[in-house]
Protein backbone atom coordinates (compact mmCIF):
# COMPACT_ATOMS: atom_id res chain seq x y z
CA MET A 1 -81.22 -29.47 34.63
CA LYS A 2 -77.83 -30.97 33.78
CA THR A 3 -74.62 -29.28 34.84
CA LYS A 4 -73.65 -28.64 31.19
CA SER A 5 -76.97 -26.94 30.53
CA ILE A 6 -76.56 -24.75 33.61
CA ILE A 7 -73.03 -23.74 32.57
CA ILE A 8 -74.17 -23.02 28.99
CA THR A 9 -77.04 -20.91 30.33
CA LEU A 10 -74.71 -18.93 32.60
CA VAL A 11 -72.23 -18.39 29.74
CA ARG A 12 -75.08 -17.31 27.44
CA LEU A 13 -76.43 -14.82 29.99
CA THR A 14 -72.97 -13.39 30.63
CA LEU A 15 -72.26 -12.95 26.92
CA ILE A 16 -75.72 -11.48 26.32
CA ALA A 17 -75.06 -8.92 29.06
CA LEU A 18 -71.65 -8.06 27.56
CA TRP A 19 -72.68 -7.78 23.90
CA GLY A 20 -76.03 -6.19 24.65
CA SER A 21 -74.54 -3.42 26.75
CA VAL A 22 -71.65 -2.61 24.40
CA ALA A 23 -73.90 -2.65 21.30
CA VAL A 24 -76.49 -0.38 22.92
CA GLU A 25 -73.78 1.99 24.11
CA LYS A 26 -72.33 2.24 20.59
CA LEU A 27 -75.73 2.74 19.00
CA TRP A 28 -76.77 5.28 21.65
CA ASP A 29 -73.93 7.59 20.66
CA LEU A 30 -73.17 6.73 17.03
CA SER A 31 -71.27 9.93 16.28
CA GLY A 32 -69.12 9.51 19.40
CA PHE A 33 -68.43 5.87 18.50
CA HIS A 34 -67.45 6.88 14.97
CA SER A 35 -65.14 9.57 16.34
CA ILE A 36 -63.49 7.05 18.69
CA LEU A 37 -62.98 4.59 15.81
CA ARG A 38 -61.23 7.28 13.74
CA ARG A 39 -58.70 7.79 16.57
CA GLN A 40 -57.83 4.07 16.75
CA PRO A 41 -54.58 2.75 15.24
CA ILE A 42 -56.43 1.14 12.33
CA PRO A 43 -56.63 2.12 8.65
CA GLU A 44 -58.97 5.09 8.26
CA TRP A 45 -61.16 3.32 5.69
CA SER A 46 -61.87 0.51 8.16
CA ALA A 47 -63.37 2.90 10.70
CA ASP A 48 -66.32 3.54 8.38
CA ILE A 49 -66.92 -0.20 7.99
CA LEU A 50 -66.46 -1.05 11.67
CA PHE A 51 -68.78 1.81 12.58
CA TRP A 52 -71.74 -0.27 11.37
CA LEU A 53 -70.29 -3.76 11.44
CA LEU A 54 -69.32 -3.99 15.12
CA PRO A 55 -72.70 -3.05 16.64
CA LEU A 56 -74.51 -5.28 14.14
CA LEU A 57 -72.28 -8.25 14.94
CA GLU A 58 -72.65 -7.65 18.67
CA LEU A 59 -76.43 -7.49 18.31
CA GLY A 60 -76.28 -10.62 16.14
CA ALA A 61 -74.50 -12.44 18.95
CA VAL A 62 -77.21 -11.30 21.38
CA VAL A 63 -79.98 -12.54 19.08
CA LEU A 64 -78.31 -15.92 18.51
CA LEU A 65 -77.70 -16.41 22.22
CA ALA A 66 -80.93 -14.93 23.61
CA TRP A 67 -83.52 -16.25 21.17
CA PRO A 68 -82.21 -19.54 19.86
CA GLN A 69 -84.61 -21.50 17.67
CA ASN A 70 -82.43 -24.56 18.18
CA ARG A 71 -79.12 -25.57 19.70
CA THR A 72 -77.28 -24.76 16.48
CA ARG A 73 -78.01 -21.05 16.99
CA ILE A 74 -76.52 -21.17 20.49
CA TYR A 75 -73.42 -22.79 18.98
CA GLN A 76 -73.25 -20.09 16.28
CA GLY A 77 -73.72 -17.38 18.91
CA MET A 78 -70.84 -18.81 20.92
CA TRP A 79 -68.64 -18.83 17.82
CA LEU A 80 -69.57 -15.26 16.93
CA SER A 81 -68.79 -14.21 20.51
CA ALA A 82 -65.43 -15.97 20.38
CA VAL A 83 -64.48 -14.38 17.04
CA LEU A 84 -65.46 -10.91 18.24
CA MET A 85 -63.65 -11.34 21.53
CA LEU A 86 -60.56 -12.72 19.78
CA GLY A 87 -60.43 -9.61 17.60
CA PHE A 88 -60.82 -7.27 20.57
CA THR A 89 -58.30 -9.28 22.61
CA LEU A 90 -55.67 -9.13 19.85
CA PHE A 91 -56.24 -5.39 19.52
CA ILE A 92 -55.64 -4.92 23.26
CA LEU A 93 -52.68 -7.35 23.25
CA PHE A 94 -50.97 -5.32 20.51
CA GLY A 95 -51.48 -2.22 22.65
CA VAL A 96 -49.99 -3.94 25.71
CA LEU A 97 -47.01 -4.97 23.57
CA ASP A 98 -46.57 -1.29 22.53
CA TRP A 99 -47.15 -1.96 18.85
CA TYR A 100 -49.08 1.32 18.57
CA GLU A 101 -47.65 4.82 18.76
CA LYS A 102 -50.51 5.77 21.05
CA ARG A 103 -53.09 3.63 22.83
CA PRO A 104 -56.50 5.22 22.55
CA CYS A 105 -59.19 2.96 23.94
CA GLY A 106 -62.72 3.34 22.67
CA CYS A 107 -64.18 1.15 25.37
CA GLY A 108 -67.01 2.36 27.49
CA SER A 109 -68.81 1.41 30.67
CA ILE A 110 -66.76 -0.24 33.38
CA ILE A 111 -64.04 -1.29 30.94
CA ASN A 112 -63.09 2.36 30.41
CA GLY A 113 -61.55 2.52 33.90
CA LEU A 114 -59.32 -0.51 33.38
CA SER A 115 -55.64 -0.36 32.50
CA TRP A 116 -54.59 -2.01 29.25
CA LYS A 117 -53.29 -5.08 31.10
CA GLU A 118 -56.50 -5.35 33.14
CA HIS A 119 -58.47 -4.94 29.94
CA LEU A 120 -56.45 -7.76 28.38
CA TRP A 121 -57.33 -10.05 31.31
CA PHE A 122 -60.98 -9.02 31.03
CA ASN A 123 -60.99 -9.93 27.33
CA LEU A 124 -59.14 -13.21 27.92
CA THR A 125 -61.77 -14.14 30.52
CA PHE A 126 -64.61 -13.54 28.07
CA LEU A 127 -62.71 -15.30 25.29
CA THR A 128 -62.35 -18.31 27.60
CA LEU A 129 -66.07 -18.15 28.43
CA SER A 130 -66.92 -18.10 24.72
CA TRP A 131 -64.62 -21.02 24.02
CA THR A 132 -66.14 -22.98 26.93
CA GLY A 133 -69.57 -22.26 25.48
CA ILE A 134 -68.46 -23.54 22.07
CA ILE A 135 -67.15 -26.80 23.52
CA LEU A 136 -70.17 -27.43 25.74
CA SER A 137 -72.80 -26.44 23.18
CA LYS A 138 -71.14 -28.64 20.56
CA LYS A 139 -71.34 -31.61 22.92
CA GLN A 140 -74.92 -30.70 23.75
CA ARG A 141 -75.78 -30.58 20.04
CA GLY A 142 -74.61 -34.16 19.73
CA GLY A 143 -71.43 -33.45 17.79
CA ALA A 144 -72.54 -34.85 14.42
CA ASP A 145 -69.66 -35.80 12.17
CA LYS A 146 -69.48 -35.39 8.40
CA ASP A 147 -71.38 -38.65 7.78
CA GLY A 148 -74.23 -37.58 10.03
CA ALA A 149 -73.29 -39.99 12.81
CA THR A 150 -73.54 -38.59 16.30
CA GLU A 151 -71.46 -39.30 19.37
CA GLY A 152 -74.03 -41.94 20.35
CA GLY A 153 -73.23 -43.79 17.13
CA SER A 154 -76.61 -43.51 15.39
CA ALA A 155 -76.76 -41.67 12.11
CA LYS A 156 -79.50 -39.15 11.43
CA ARG A 157 -80.08 -39.23 7.72
CA PRO A 158 -82.74 -37.52 5.66
CA ILE A 159 -85.64 -39.56 4.35
CA ASN A 160 -84.87 -40.92 0.89
CA THR A 161 -87.74 -39.78 -1.32
CA THR A 162 -85.91 -40.53 -4.56
CA GLY A 163 -86.56 -44.26 -4.22
CA PHE A 164 -90.26 -43.65 -3.67
CA PHE A 165 -90.59 -41.63 -6.87
CA LEU A 166 -88.52 -44.06 -8.93
CA ASN A 167 -90.63 -46.97 -7.75
CA ALA A 168 -93.80 -45.06 -8.62
CA LEU A 169 -92.50 -44.38 -12.11
CA LYS A 170 -91.65 -48.05 -12.63
CA SER A 171 -95.06 -49.23 -11.46
CA LYS A 172 -97.54 -50.89 -13.84
CA ASP A 173 -99.99 -48.01 -13.46
CA TYR A 174 -97.40 -45.70 -14.97
CA GLU A 175 -96.76 -48.18 -17.80
CA ASN A 176 -100.48 -48.23 -18.60
CA VAL A 177 -100.68 -44.44 -18.68
CA LYS A 178 -97.55 -44.26 -20.82
CA ASN A 179 -98.97 -46.58 -23.52
């Protein structure tokens, strides 16, 4: 196994453990999670949306990372992880910067015992892991550009079936049927 594949696997397993545990914890106590969201310094209407959206997105990240059908799903799972972690990191950063009147944290598990600054470092670590996963899984995918050319220089293009059908229509057999 190549070093990149080993690193991607370790990042995937770490992110699966993170998102799986936080999603299950939220779903295990839905009413408690909803109550915690309502105490956060966010618009009240967004608590009802985040109540369902966050666990679903976290489970989506787990599915993309744990059961990839192809390397593109791993890449998408890394991106989803990075976007989620960026949102959580910004939320914690704003708390550390005292942008909120109060700093209620709805985090569970081991994160609950962390200070806000420690929580920020925790989130930055997982954001960095997600970003590393994005970079490495993109390179592993081959990094196709907009023209379909890969880093190796060869282009993977779809089979052109249009020419086949046009040639068949122009054939003499078609002319005989037409007349």
